[in-house]
Amino acid sequence: MKKELPPLTSYSEDQRQKAMDKYRLIAPYLNHEKNLKTIAEVSECF
């Protein structure tokens, strides 16, 4: 059974900001611009 997630509007500003930071990190992969290995190497710096 899949757990139902709350709507994004119920998240705090900090939670939304963290989610956007994560999205920005993986966006190049989703847009077929970089592979996961490259993204992982870059993210280790953070």
PDB file of N, CA and C in Angstrom:
ATOM      1  N   MET A   1       0.847  -1.172   0.000  1.00  0.00           N
ATOM      2  CA  MET A   1       0.000   0.000   0.000  1.00  0.00           C
ATOM      3  C   MET A   1       0.898   1.242   0.000  1.00  0.00           C
ATOM      4  N   LYS A   2       0.570   2.167  -0.853  1.00  0.00           N
ATOM      5  CA  LYS A   2       1.354   3.391  -0.982  1.00  0.00           C
ATOM      6  C   LYS A   2       0.848   4.453   0.001  1.00  0.00           C
ATOM      7  N   LYS A   3       1.791   5.079   0.700  1.00  0.00           N
ATOM      8  CA  LYS A   3       1.424   6.121   1.664  1.00  0.00           C
ATOM      9  C   LYS A   3       1.086   7.412   0.919  1.00  0.00           C
ATOM     10  N   GLU A   4      -0.022   8.004   1.277  1.00  0.00           N
ATOM     11  CA  GLU A   4      -0.460   9.260   0.671  1.00  0.00           C
ATOM     12  C   GLU A   4       0.348  10.413   1.249  1.00  0.00           C
ATOM     13  N   LEU A   5       0.939  11.227   0.391  1.00  0.00           N
ATOM     14  CA  LEU A   5       1.727  12.376   0.840  1.00  0.00           C
ATOM     15  C   LEU A   5       0.830  13.595   1.018  1.00  0.00           C
ATOM     16  N   PRO A   6       1.147  14.454   1.981  1.00  0.00           N
ATOM     17  CA  PRO A   6       0.356  15.677   2.165  1.00  0.00           C
ATOM     18  C   PRO A   6       0.616  16.648   1.015  1.00  0.00           C
ATOM     19  N   PRO A   7      -0.299  17.565   0.772  1.00  0.00           N
ATOM     20  CA  PRO A   7      -0.079  18.546  -0.293  1.00  0.00           C
ATOM     21  C   PRO A   7       1.125  19.440   0.027  1.00  0.00           C
ATOM     22  N   LEU A   8       1.783  19.914  -1.010  1.00  0.00           N
ATOM     23  CA  LEU A   8       2.972  20.749  -0.815  1.00  0.00           C
ATOM     24  C   LEU A   8       2.668  22.022  -0.024  1.00  0.00           C
ATOM     25  N   THR A   9       1.445  22.483  -0.093  1.00  0.00           N
ATOM     26  CA  THR A   9       1.087  23.701   0.632  1.00  0.00           C
ATOM     27  C   THR A   9       1.125  23.509   2.142  1.00  0.00           C
ATOM     28  N   SER A  10       1.151  22.254   2.592  1.00  0.00           N
ATOM     29  CA  SER A  10       1.190  22.014   4.038  1.00  0.00           C
ATOM     30  C   SER A  10       2.612  22.034   4.594  1.00  0.00           C
ATOM     31  N   TYR A  11       3.605  22.079   3.702  1.00  0.00           N
ATOM     32  CA  TYR A  11       5.001  22.110   4.142  1.00  0.00           C
ATOM     33  C   TYR A  11       5.410  23.519   4.563  1.00  0.00           C
ATOM     34  N   SER A  12       6.359  23.588   5.479  1.00  0.00           N
ATOM     35  CA  SER A  12       6.866  24.892   5.917  1.00  0.00           C
ATOM     36  C   SER A  12       7.761  25.469   4.817  1.00  0.00           C
ATOM     37  N   GLU A  13       8.077  26.730   4.942  1.00  0.00           N
ATOM     38  CA  GLU A  13       8.958  27.390   3.968  1.00  0.00           C
ATOM     39  C   GLU A  13      10.317  26.701   3.929  1.00  0.00           C
ATOM     40  N   ASP A  14      10.829  26.311   5.074  1.00  0.00           N
ATOM     41  CA  ASP A  14      12.117  25.617   5.144  1.00  0.00           C
ATOM     42  C   ASP A  14      12.057  24.264   4.420  1.00  0.00           C
ATOM     43  N   GLN A  15      10.979  23.523   4.617  1.00  0.00           N
ATOM     44  CA  GLN A  15      10.828  22.230   3.947  1.00  0.00           C
ATOM     45  C   GLN A  15      10.733  22.405   2.422  1.00  0.00           C
ATOM     46  N   ARG A  16      10.014  23.427   1.993  1.00  0.00           N
ATOM     47  CA  ARG A  16       9.903  23.682   0.549  1.00  0.00           C
ATOM     48  C   ARG A  16      11.255  24.085  -0.030  1.00  0.00           C
ATOM     49  N   GLN A  17      12.011  24.884   0.714  1.00  0.00           N
ATOM     50  CA  GLN A  17      13.330  25.309   0.248  1.00  0.00           C
ATOM     51  C   GLN A  17      14.267  24.111   0.109  1.00  0.00           C
ATOM     52  N   LYS A  18      14.241  23.200   1.093  1.00  0.00           N
ATOM     53  CA  LYS A  18      15.072  21.998   1.016  1.00  0.00           C
ATOM     54  C   LYS A  18      14.678  21.133  -0.177  1.00  0.00           C
ATOM     55  N   ALA A  19      13.391  21.024  -0.438  1.00  0.00           N
ATOM     56  CA  ALA A  19      12.931  20.244  -1.587  1.00  0.00           C
ATOM     57  C   ALA A  19      13.408  20.877  -2.894  1.00  0.00           C
ATOM     58  N   MET A  20      13.346  22.190  -2.986  1.00  0.00           N
ATOM     59  CA  MET A  20      13.820  22.878  -4.196  1.00  0.00           C
ATOM     60  C   MET A  20      15.323  22.715  -4.359  1.00  0.00           C
ATOM     61  N   ASP A  21      16.069  22.738  -3.279  1.00  0.00           N
ATOM     62  CA  ASP A  21      17.513  22.521  -3.349  1.00  0.00           C
ATOM     63  C   ASP A  21      17.823  21.137  -3.899  1.00  0.00           C
ATOM     64  N   LYS A  22      17.085  20.138  -3.442  1.00  0.00           N
ATOM     65  CA  LYS A  22      17.275  18.771  -3.934  1.00  0.00           C
ATOM     66  C   LYS A  22      16.899  18.679  -5.416  1.00  0.00           C
ATOM     67  N   TYR A  23      15.804  19.333  -5.789  1.00  0.00           N
ATOM     68  CA  TYR A  23      15.392  19.315  -7.191  1.00  0.00           C
ATOM     69  C   TYR A  23      16.461  19.959  -8.074  1.00  0.00           C
ATOM     70  N   ARG A  24      16.991  21.095  -7.649  1.00  0.00           N
ATOM     71  CA  ARG A  24      18.031  21.773  -8.439  1.00  0.00           C
ATOM     72  C   ARG A  24      19.251  20.885  -8.632  1.00  0.00           C
ATOM     73  N   LEU A  25      19.537  20.061  -7.633  1.00  0.00           N
ATOM     74  CA  LEU A  25      20.675  19.154  -7.721  1.00  0.00           C
ATOM     75  C   LEU A  25      20.462  18.077  -8.789  1.00  0.00           C
ATOM     76  N   ILE A  26      19.245  17.523  -8.860  1.00  0.00           N
ATOM     77  CA  ILE A  26      18.993  16.441  -9.815  1.00  0.00           C
ATOM     78  C   ILE A  26      18.405  16.911 -11.146  1.00  0.00           C
ATOM     79  N   ALA A  27      18.068  18.179 -11.260  1.00  0.00           N
ATOM     80  CA  ALA A  27      17.465  18.696 -12.496  1.00  0.00           C
ATOM     81  C   ALA A  27      18.305  18.412 -13.742  1.00  0.00           C
ATOM     82  N   PRO A  28      19.634  18.562 -13.696  1.00  0.00           N
ATOM     83  CA  PRO A  28      20.421  18.243 -14.895  1.00  0.00           C
ATOM     84  C   PRO A  28      20.273  16.786 -15.342  1.00  0.00           C
ATOM     85  N   TYR A  29      20.093  15.886 -14.391  1.00  0.00           N
ATOM     86  CA  TYR A  29      19.865  14.487 -14.746  1.00  0.00           C
ATOM     87  C   TYR A  29      18.489  14.330 -15.388  1.00  0.00           C
ATOM     88  N   LEU A  30      17.479  14.941 -14.804  1.00  0.00           N
ATOM     89  CA  LEU A  30      16.125  14.838 -15.340  1.00  0.00           C
ATOM     90  C   LEU A  30      16.021  15.449 -16.735  1.00  0.00           C
ATOM     91  N   ASN A  31      16.849  16.444 -17.011  1.00  0.00           N
ATOM     92  CA  ASN A  31      16.864  17.103 -18.320  1.00  0.00           C
ATOM     93  C   ASN A  31      17.878  16.472 -19.279  1.00  0.00           C
ATOM     94  N   HIS A  32      18.426  15.310 -18.887  1.00  0.00           N
ATOM     95  CA  HIS A  32      19.395  14.560 -19.707  1.00  0.00           C
ATOM     96  C   HIS A  32      20.631  15.396 -20.042  1.00  0.00           C
ATOM     97  N   GLU A  33      21.061  16.227 -19.111  1.00  0.00           N
ATOM     98  CA  GLU A  33      22.239  17.064 -19.306  1.00  0.00           C
ATOM     99  C   GLU A  33      23.475  16.468 -18.637  1.00  0.00           C
ATOM    100  N   LYS A  34      23.288  15.718 -17.534  1.00  0.00           N
ATOM    101  CA  LYS A  34      24.395  15.109 -16.796  1.00  0.00           C
ATOM    102  C   LYS A  34      23.970  13.719 -16.345  1.00  0.00           C
ATOM    103  N   ASN A  35      24.970  12.852 -16.117  1.00  0.00           N
ATOM    104  CA  ASN A  35      24.634  11.533 -15.582  1.00  0.00           C
ATOM    105  C   ASN A  35      24.708  11.571 -14.053  1.00  0.00           C
ATOM    106  N   LEU A  36      24.196  10.517 -13.427  1.00  0.00           N
ATOM    107  CA  LEU A  36      24.132  10.487 -11.970  1.00  0.00           C
ATOM    108  C   LEU A  36      25.513  10.466 -11.329  1.00  0.00           C
ATOM    109  N   LYS A  37      26.471   9.827 -11.984  1.00  0.00           N
ATOM    110  CA  LYS A  37      27.822   9.781 -11.424  1.00  0.00           C
ATOM    111  C   LYS A  37      28.400  11.192 -11.305  1.00  0.00           C
ATOM    112  N   THR A  38      28.243  11.994 -12.335  1.00  0.00           N
ATOM    113  CA  THR A  38      28.739  13.363 -12.320  1.00  0.00           C
ATOM    114  C   THR A  38      28.053  14.181 -11.227  1.00  0.00           C
ATOM    115  N   ILE A  39      26.762  14.023 -11.101  1.00  0.00           N
ATOM    116  CA  ILE A  39      26.012  14.759 -10.077  1.00  0.00           C
ATOM    117  C   ILE A  39      26.458  14.322  -8.683  1.00  0.00           C
ATOM    118  N   ALA A  40      26.684  13.013  -8.504  1.00  0.00           N
ATOM    119  CA  ALA A  40      27.119  12.509  -7.197  1.00  0.00           C
ATOM    120  C   ALA A  40      28.489  13.061  -6.840  1.00  0.00           C
ATOM    121  N   GLU A  41      29.388  13.138  -7.816  1.00  0.00           N
ATOM    122  CA  GLU A  41      30.720  13.682  -7.551  1.00  0.00           C
ATOM    123  C   GLU A  41      30.653  15.148  -7.146  1.00  0.00           C
ATOM    124  N   VAL A  42      29.804  15.898  -7.785  1.00  0.00           N
ATOM    125  CA  VAL A  42      29.655  17.321  -7.465  1.00  0.00           C
ATOM    126  C   VAL A  42      28.990  17.496  -6.107  1.00  0.00           C
ATOM    127  N   SER A  43      27.988  16.679  -5.810  1.00  0.00           N
ATOM    128  CA  SER A  43      27.252  16.850  -4.554  1.00  0.00           C
ATOM    129  C   SER A  43      28.067  16.472  -3.338  1.00  0.00           C
ATOM    130  N   GLU A  44      29.126  15.693  -3.499  1.00  0.00           N
ATOM    131  CA  GLU A  44      29.975  15.346  -2.370  1.00  0.00           C
ATOM    132  C   GLU A  44      30.671  16.588  -1.810  1.00  0.00           C
ATOM    133  N   CYS A  45      30.762  17.625  -2.596  1.00  0.00           N
ATOM    134  CA  CYS A  45      31.403  18.867  -2.142  1.00  0.00           C
ATOM    135  C   CYS A  45      30.525  19.620  -1.154  1.00  0.00           C
ATOM    136  N   PHE A  46      29.237  19.310  -1.111  1.00  0.00           N
ATOM    137  CA  PHE A  46      28.311  20.055  -0.260  1.00  0.00           C
ATOM    138  C   PHE A  46      28.281  19.468   1.077  1.00  0.00           C
TER     139      PHE A  46
END
